[in-house]
Protein backbone atom coordinates (compact mmCIF):
# COMPACT_ATOMS: atom_id res chain seq x y z
CA UNK A 1 0.00 0.00 0.00
CA UNK A 2 2.88 2.35 0.82
CA UNK A 3 4.37 1.84 -2.64
CA UNK A 4 0.98 2.44 -4.21
CA UNK A 5 0.61 5.85 -2.54
CA UNK A 6 4.18 6.74 -3.47
CA UNK A 7 3.40 5.93 -7.10
CA UNK A 8 0.26 8.11 -7.02
CA UNK A 9 2.21 11.00 -5.51
CA UNK A 10 4.91 10.82 -8.18
CA UNK A 11 2.27 10.60 -10.91
CA UNK A 12 0.51 13.67 -9.57
CA UNK A 13 3.74 15.65 -9.31
CA UNK A 14 4.74 14.74 -12.86
CA UNK A 15 1.37 15.83 -14.21
CA UNK A 16 1.54 19.06 -12.21
CA UNK A 17 5.02 19.81 -13.56
CA UNK A 18 3.85 19.29 -17.14
CA UNK A 19 0.90 21.59 -16.55
CA UNK A 20 3.24 24.43 -15.53
CA UNK A 21 5.13 24.37 -18.84
CA UNK A 22 4.49 27.16 -21.28
CA UNK A 23 3.25 26.52 -24.79
CA UNK A 24 3.53 28.43 -28.10
CA UNK A 25 0.95 28.44 -30.88
CA UNK A 26 1.74 29.44 -34.46
CA UNK A 27 -0.92 30.31 -37.04
CA UNK A 28 -0.18 31.06 -40.69
CA UNK A 29 -2.24 31.49 -43.83
CA UNK A 30 -1.18 29.43 -46.83
CA UNK A 31 -3.03 31.73 -49.22
CA UNK A 32 -1.93 34.99 -47.62
CA UNK A 33 -5.21 36.14 -46.02
CA UNK A 34 -4.67 38.56 -43.17
CA UNK A 35 -6.35 37.72 -39.88
CA UNK A 36 -6.69 38.41 -36.17
CA UNK A 37 -6.21 35.68 -33.56
CA UNK A 38 -8.70 35.75 -30.68
CA UNK A 39 -8.03 33.39 -27.76
CA UNK A 40 -10.72 32.90 -25.10
CA UNK A 41 -12.42 36.04 -26.39
CA UNK A 42 -9.30 38.28 -26.23
CA UNK A 43 -7.76 39.60 -29.46
CA UNK A 44 -3.99 38.94 -29.45
CA UNK A 45 -2.48 40.71 -32.48
CA UNK A 46 -3.39 44.43 -32.78
CA UNK A 47 -2.97 44.44 -36.57
CA UNK A 48 -4.04 41.87 -39.17
CA UNK A 49 -1.21 39.48 -40.05
CA UNK A 50 -0.56 36.42 -42.20
CA UNK A 51 1.69 34.69 -39.65
CA UNK A 52 1.27 34.98 -35.87
CA UNK A 53 3.13 33.26 -33.02
CA UNK A 54 1.51 33.47 -29.57
CA UNK A 55 3.84 32.53 -26.69
CA UNK A 56 3.55 31.90 -22.93
CA UNK A 57 0.29 29.94 -23.05
CA UNK A 58 -0.22 27.99 -19.84
CA UNK A 59 -3.55 26.20 -20.33
CA UNK A 60 -3.88 22.85 -22.17
CA UNK A 61 -6.65 24.14 -24.45
CA UNK A 62 -8.07 27.46 -25.71
CA UNK A 63 -11.10 28.66 -27.64
CA UNK A 64 -9.72 30.24 -30.80
CA UNK A 65 -11.36 32.48 -33.38
CA UNK A 66 -9.57 33.35 -36.60
CA UNK A 67 -11.12 36.59 -37.84
CA UNK A 68 -10.30 37.53 -41.44
CA UNK A 69 -10.18 41.10 -42.74
CA UNK A 70 -10.94 40.57 -46.44
CA UNK A 71 -14.70 40.81 -45.88
CA UNK A 72 -15.29 37.51 -47.69
CA UNK A 73 -13.71 34.68 -45.72
CA UNK A 74 -15.92 33.37 -42.88
CA UNK A 75 -14.41 33.39 -39.40
CA UNK A 76 -13.11 30.11 -37.98
CA UNK A 77 -14.17 29.04 -34.47
CA UNK A 78 -12.45 26.07 -32.90
CA UNK A 79 -11.26 24.63 -29.58
CA UNK A 80 -7.56 23.72 -29.69
CA UNK A 81 -6.02 21.03 -27.50
CA UNK A 82 -2.24 20.69 -27.41
CA UNK A 83 0.57 19.24 -25.33
CA UNK A 84 2.17 21.55 -22.73
CA UNK A 85 5.77 22.55 -23.22
CA UNK A 86 5.49 22.43 -27.01
CA UNK A 87 5.22 24.77 -29.97
CA UNK A 88 2.29 23.69 -32.13
CA UNK A 89 1.77 25.05 -35.63
CA UNK A 90 -1.60 25.36 -37.38
CA UNK A 91 -2.11 26.22 -41.04
CA UNK A 92 -5.06 28.12 -42.46
CA UNK A 93 -5.87 26.48 -45.78
CA UNK A 94 -8.59 25.39 -48.19
CA UNK A 95 -10.03 21.88 -47.81
CA UNK A 96 -11.30 19.67 -50.62
CA UNK A 97 -14.61 21.55 -50.60
CA UNK A 98 -12.90 24.92 -51.03
CA UNK A 99 -13.67 25.95 -47.44
CA UNK A 100 -11.07 27.81 -45.36
CA UNK A 101 -10.21 25.66 -42.34
CA UNK A 102 -7.70 25.50 -39.50
CA UNK A 103 -5.52 22.38 -39.56
CA UNK A 104 -2.87 20.98 -37.20
CA UNK A 105 0.49 20.92 -38.98
CA UNK A 106 3.33 20.11 -36.56
CA UNK A 107 4.49 20.04 -32.95
CA UNK A 108 7.95 20.28 -31.41
CA UNK A 109 9.25 20.72 -27.84
CA UNK A 110 9.78 24.35 -26.87
CA UNK A 111 13.54 23.81 -26.66
CA UNK A 112 13.59 22.73 -30.32
CA UNK A 113 11.29 25.48 -31.59
CA UNK A 114 12.77 27.49 -34.49
CA UNK A 115 13.47 31.18 -34.22
CA UNK A 116 10.81 33.63 -35.41
CA UNK A 117 10.98 33.98 -39.19
CA UNK A 118 10.87 37.20 -41.18
CA UNK A 119 7.34 38.58 -41.33
CA UNK A 120 6.15 36.61 -38.28
CA UNK A 121 4.44 38.66 -35.59
CA UNK A 122 5.35 37.35 -32.12
CA UNK A 123 2.84 38.11 -29.36
CA UNK A 124 3.19 37.23 -25.69
CA UNK A 125 -0.24 35.94 -24.63
CA UNK A 126 -2.32 38.47 -22.73
CA UNK A 127 -5.74 38.08 -21.14
CA UNK A 128 -6.69 41.76 -21.13
CA UNK A 129 -8.26 43.60 -24.11
CA UNK A 130 -6.21 45.85 -26.37
CA UNK A 131 -6.28 49.54 -25.48
CA UNK A 132 -7.02 52.29 -28.01
CA UNK A 133 -6.08 55.99 -27.92
CA UNK A 134 -7.34 58.72 -30.23
CA UNK A 135 -5.55 61.91 -31.31
CA UNK A 136 -6.99 64.75 -33.39
CA UNK A 137 -5.25 67.31 -35.58
CA UNK A 138 -7.05 70.37 -36.97
CA UNK A 139 -5.68 72.34 -39.92
CA UNK A 140 -7.22 75.66 -41.07
CA UNK A 141 -6.12 77.30 -44.33
CA UNK A 142 -7.22 80.47 -46.14
CA UNK A 143 -6.86 81.18 -49.87
CA UNK A 144 -7.54 84.48 -51.68
CA UNK A 145 -7.77 84.62 -55.49
CA UNK A 146 -8.06 87.48 -58.00
CA UNK A 147 -11.25 89.62 -57.96
CA UNK A 148 -14.15 87.98 -59.72
CA UNK A 149 -17.85 88.58 -60.09
CA UNK A 150 -20.12 90.15 -57.51
CA UNK A 151 -22.09 86.97 -57.05
CA UNK A 152 -22.26 85.43 -53.62
CA UNK A 153 -22.26 81.68 -53.03
CA UNK A 154 -22.03 79.56 -49.89
CA UNK A 155 -21.17 75.88 -50.15
CA UNK A 156 -21.01 73.46 -47.21
CA UNK A 157 -19.34 70.05 -47.46
CA UNK A 158 -19.24 67.48 -44.65
CA UNK A 159 -17.38 64.18 -44.92
CA UNK A 160 -17.29 61.75 -42.03
CA UNK A 161 -15.50 58.40 -41.89
CA UNK A 162 -15.22 57.37 -38.24
CA UNK A 163 -14.23 53.71 -38.81
CA UNK A 164 -12.04 52.44 -36.03
CA UNK A 165 -8.69 50.99 -36.96
CA UNK A 166 -8.02 53.46 -39.75
CA UNK A 167 -8.13 57.24 -40.20
CA UNK A 168 -11.40 59.10 -39.97
CA UNK A 169 -11.81 62.65 -41.26
CA UNK A 170 -14.36 65.43 -40.65
CA UNK A 171 -14.09 68.22 -43.24
CA UNK A 172 -16.09 71.46 -43.24
CA UNK A 173 -15.60 73.84 -46.18
CA UNK A 174 -17.14 77.32 -46.59
CA UNK A 175 -16.67 79.21 -49.86
CA UNK A 176 -17.63 82.91 -50.22
CA UNK A 177 -17.41 84.66 -53.60
CA UNK A 178 -17.78 88.47 -53.73
CA UNK A 179 -16.79 91.35 -55.95
CA UNK A 180 -13.50 91.72 -54.09
CA UNK A 181 -12.42 88.17 -54.85
CA UNK A 182 -12.87 84.66 -53.53
CA UNK A 183 -11.95 83.74 -49.98
CA UNK A 184 -11.83 80.04 -49.20
CA UNK A 185 -11.55 78.76 -45.66
CA UNK A 186 -11.04 75.06 -45.19
CA UNK A 187 -11.08 73.42 -41.79
CA UNK A 188 -10.00 69.80 -41.71
CA UNK A 189 -10.00 67.67 -38.59
CA UNK A 190 -8.19 64.36 -38.97
CA UNK A 191 -8.63 61.71 -36.31
CA UNK A 192 -5.91 59.07 -36.07
CA UNK A 193 -6.49 55.91 -34.09
CA UNK A 194 -3.42 54.36 -32.49
CA UNK A 195 -3.66 50.87 -31.05
CA UNK A 196 -1.22 49.87 -28.33
CA UNK A 197 -0.82 46.29 -27.16
CA UNK A 198 0.81 45.52 -23.83
CA UNK A 199 1.31 42.11 -22.32
CA UNK A 200 0.70 40.89 -18.82
CA UNK A 201 4.23 39.51 -18.57
CA UNK A 202 5.79 42.81 -19.62
CA UNK A 203 7.88 41.32 -22.41
CA UNK A 204 6.78 42.61 -25.81
CA UNK A 205 4.60 45.42 -27.14
CA UNK A 206 3.58 46.31 -30.68
CA UNK A 207 2.46 49.78 -31.71
CA UNK A 208 0.74 51.09 -34.80
CA UNK A 209 0.88 54.85 -35.32
CA UNK A 210 -0.10 56.61 -38.52
CA UNK A 211 -0.06 53.37 -40.46
CA UNK A 212 3.48 52.40 -39.46
CA UNK A 213 3.95 49.20 -37.49
CA UNK A 214 6.97 48.50 -35.34
CA UNK A 215 8.09 46.90 -32.11
CA UNK A 216 8.88 49.28 -29.27
CA UNK A 217 10.15 49.10 -25.71
CA UNK A 218 7.63 48.93 -22.91
CA UNK A 219 9.26 51.71 -20.96
CA UNK A 220 12.48 49.92 -19.96
CA UNK A 221 15.85 51.61 -20.41
CA UNK A 222 18.95 49.86 -19.11
CA UNK A 223 20.95 52.27 -16.92
CA UNK A 224 24.18 53.34 -18.59
CA UNK A 225 23.43 51.49 -21.85
CA UNK A 226 22.93 53.33 -25.15
CA UNK A 227 23.62 50.54 -27.67
CA UNK A 228 21.39 48.49 -29.93
CA UNK A 229 18.44 46.69 -28.37
CA UNK A 230 17.51 43.11 -29.23
CA UNK A 231 14.45 41.80 -27.40
CA UNK A 232 12.04 44.47 -26.24
CA UNK A 233 10.65 44.77 -22.76
CA UNK A 234 12.01 44.16 -19.30
CA UNK A 235 14.88 41.65 -18.92
CA UNK A 236 14.45 38.93 -16.31
CA UNK A 237 14.88 40.24 -12.78
CA UNK A 238 18.01 39.15 -10.95
CA UNK A 239 16.06 37.44 -8.18
CA UNK A 240 14.11 35.33 -10.66
CA UNK A 241 17.23 34.68 -12.72
CA UNK A 242 19.08 33.42 -9.63
CA UNK A 243 16.25 30.95 -9.03
CA UNK A 244 16.56 29.76 -12.62
CA UNK A 245 20.32 29.26 -12.20
CA UNK A 246 19.74 27.13 -9.10
CA UNK A 247 17.19 24.99 -10.93
CA UNK A 248 19.55 24.43 -13.87
CA UNK A 249 22.47 23.62 -11.58
CA UNK A 250 20.34 20.96 -9.89
CA UNK A 251 20.16 18.98 -13.13
CA UNK A 252 22.62 16.10 -13.39
CA UNK A 253 23.31 16.08 -17.12
CA UNK A 254 24.32 18.82 -19.56
CA UNK A 255 21.58 17.83 -21.99
CA UNK A 256 18.93 18.42 -19.33
CA UNK A 257 20.57 21.69 -18.32
CA UNK A 258 20.67 22.91 -21.92
CA UNK A 259 17.01 22.01 -22.52
CA UNK A 260 15.92 23.90 -19.43
CA UNK A 261 18.12 26.91 -20.24
CA UNK A 262 16.59 27.18 -23.71
CA UNK A 263 13.10 26.91 -22.28
CA UNK A 264 13.81 29.85 -20.00
CA UNK A 265 15.45 31.90 -22.75
CA UNK A 266 12.62 31.20 -25.19
CA UNK A 267 10.04 32.88 -22.96
CA UNK A 268 12.05 35.75 -21.45
CA UNK A 269 14.13 38.78 -22.34
CA UNK A 270 17.71 38.38 -21.07
CA UNK A 271 20.77 40.57 -20.55
CA UNK A 272 24.19 39.74 -21.95
CA UNK A 273 25.50 39.24 -18.42
CA UNK A 274 22.73 36.72 -17.69
CA UNK A 275 23.47 34.79 -20.88
CA UNK A 276 27.14 34.65 -19.93
CA UNK A 277 26.28 33.24 -16.49
CA UNK A 278 24.16 30.55 -18.14
CA UNK A 279 27.03 29.66 -20.47
CA UNK A 280 29.39 29.20 -17.54
CA UNK A 281 27.11 26.50 -16.14
CA UNK A 282 28.37 24.24 -18.94
CA UNK A 283 31.80 22.65 -19.24
CA UNK A 284 31.90 21.98 -22.99
CA UNK A 285 32.80 24.70 -25.49
CA UNK A 286 30.30 23.47 -28.08
CA UNK A 287 27.43 23.66 -25.60
CA UNK A 288 28.36 27.20 -24.58
CA UNK A 289 28.51 28.25 -28.23
CA UNK A 290 25.14 26.63 -28.94
CA UNK A 291 23.56 28.48 -26.02
CA UNK A 292 25.14 31.82 -27.01
CA UNK A 293 23.74 31.54 -30.53
CA UNK A 294 20.29 30.57 -29.30
CA UNK A 295 20.10 33.40 -26.76
CA UNK A 296 21.12 36.23 -29.12
CA UNK A 297 17.58 36.84 -30.39
CA UNK A 298 16.29 36.99 -26.80
CA UNK A 299 18.90 39.41 -25.41
CA UNK A 300 18.19 43.07 -24.61
CA UNK A 301 21.66 44.68 -24.68
CA UNK A 302 23.08 43.01 -27.77
CA UNK A 303 25.71 45.77 -27.92
CA UNK A 304 27.30 44.07 -24.90
CA UNK A 305 27.34 40.62 -26.45
CA UNK A 306 31.10 40.82 -26.89
CA UNK A 307 31.32 40.18 -23.13
CA UNK A 308 30.43 36.55 -23.84
CA UNK A 309 33.83 36.07 -25.48
CA UNK A 310 35.39 35.60 -22.04
CA UNK A 311 33.35 32.40 -21.61
CA UNK A 312 35.15 30.73 -24.53
CA UNK A 313 38.52 28.98 -24.53
CA UNK A 314 39.12 28.92 -28.29
CA UNK A 315 39.30 31.85 -30.70
CA UNK A 316 37.42 29.78 -33.27
CA UNK A 317 34.33 29.84 -31.04
CA UNK A 318 34.51 33.63 -30.78
CA UNK A 319 34.83 33.92 -34.55
CA UNK A 320 31.89 31.58 -35.13
CA UNK A 321 29.66 33.50 -32.71
CA UNK A 322 30.66 36.80 -34.29
CA UNK A 323 29.80 35.49 -37.75
CA UNK A 324 26.44 34.25 -36.47
CA UNK A 325 25.44 37.53 -34.80
CA UNK A 326 26.64 39.59 -37.79
CA UNK A 327 24.32 37.67 -40.12
CA UNK A 328 21.43 37.36 -37.67
CA UNK A 329 18.03 38.47 -38.98
CA UNK A 330 14.83 38.72 -36.98
């Protein structure tokens, strides 16, 4: 009986550990339709995309809606079940009946997940709605032409396009023609909608302003650092990082340590100093080099990445890392 209860306890602990692992979901359209991903009723990407990766998912299943923006493709509603600690990819494609459907494509452990590809929008999962701000700009201009006839004419024009997500405009024009000439006064009020996405984990934000999309920092500036920035957002706190180091050190084999290190890196923004400390947990040069390459895309102060050179024994490793970072594309 004692052995039976011990077995049940170990089984429970193993299942609990699996449940705590983060999961990534990738959605892409084979035919190039742009879409929004809505998980459990919360829109994830602020702008329509053709390829979206959502990270840091902690539940084993989610209600997903794929909402298309072409005005013709019906939305897709589906419940997705997936294995924790994996990155699962779904394709949006046409079936044999010509219907647009969501299909499972592949699944890999988080530690083996590929880097984000060009054109892929990476979103850290958030369970709060997107926030929207509105700014208005008013421009008034006056034009006087040569004298004309003595006729008088008043013309009023109103145009209103208040659609959210784009640019709305309210235009009022008054034209007065008299014997002294024509005076035209045009008042144009342009309303620009800017959508800002923030994440609950404080890692990544995406901003659209005036039609331009880019990734920006969520308010973090590293003291004394003015170089190039890699990952956006707040790097892992030192207290949390120290806990991670202890957990990795507790592993008996380098393979297990490397897998865990990559899992942590894959879901966090790091500093160059933190990456170097992780490298020094490994004895083999090849493993350190592998980790340094993997962590580059998840490091905040990439201008300090040269500091990692001290963790290598051979110049060839330094040269290989330098070649990798020089050709790195996000």
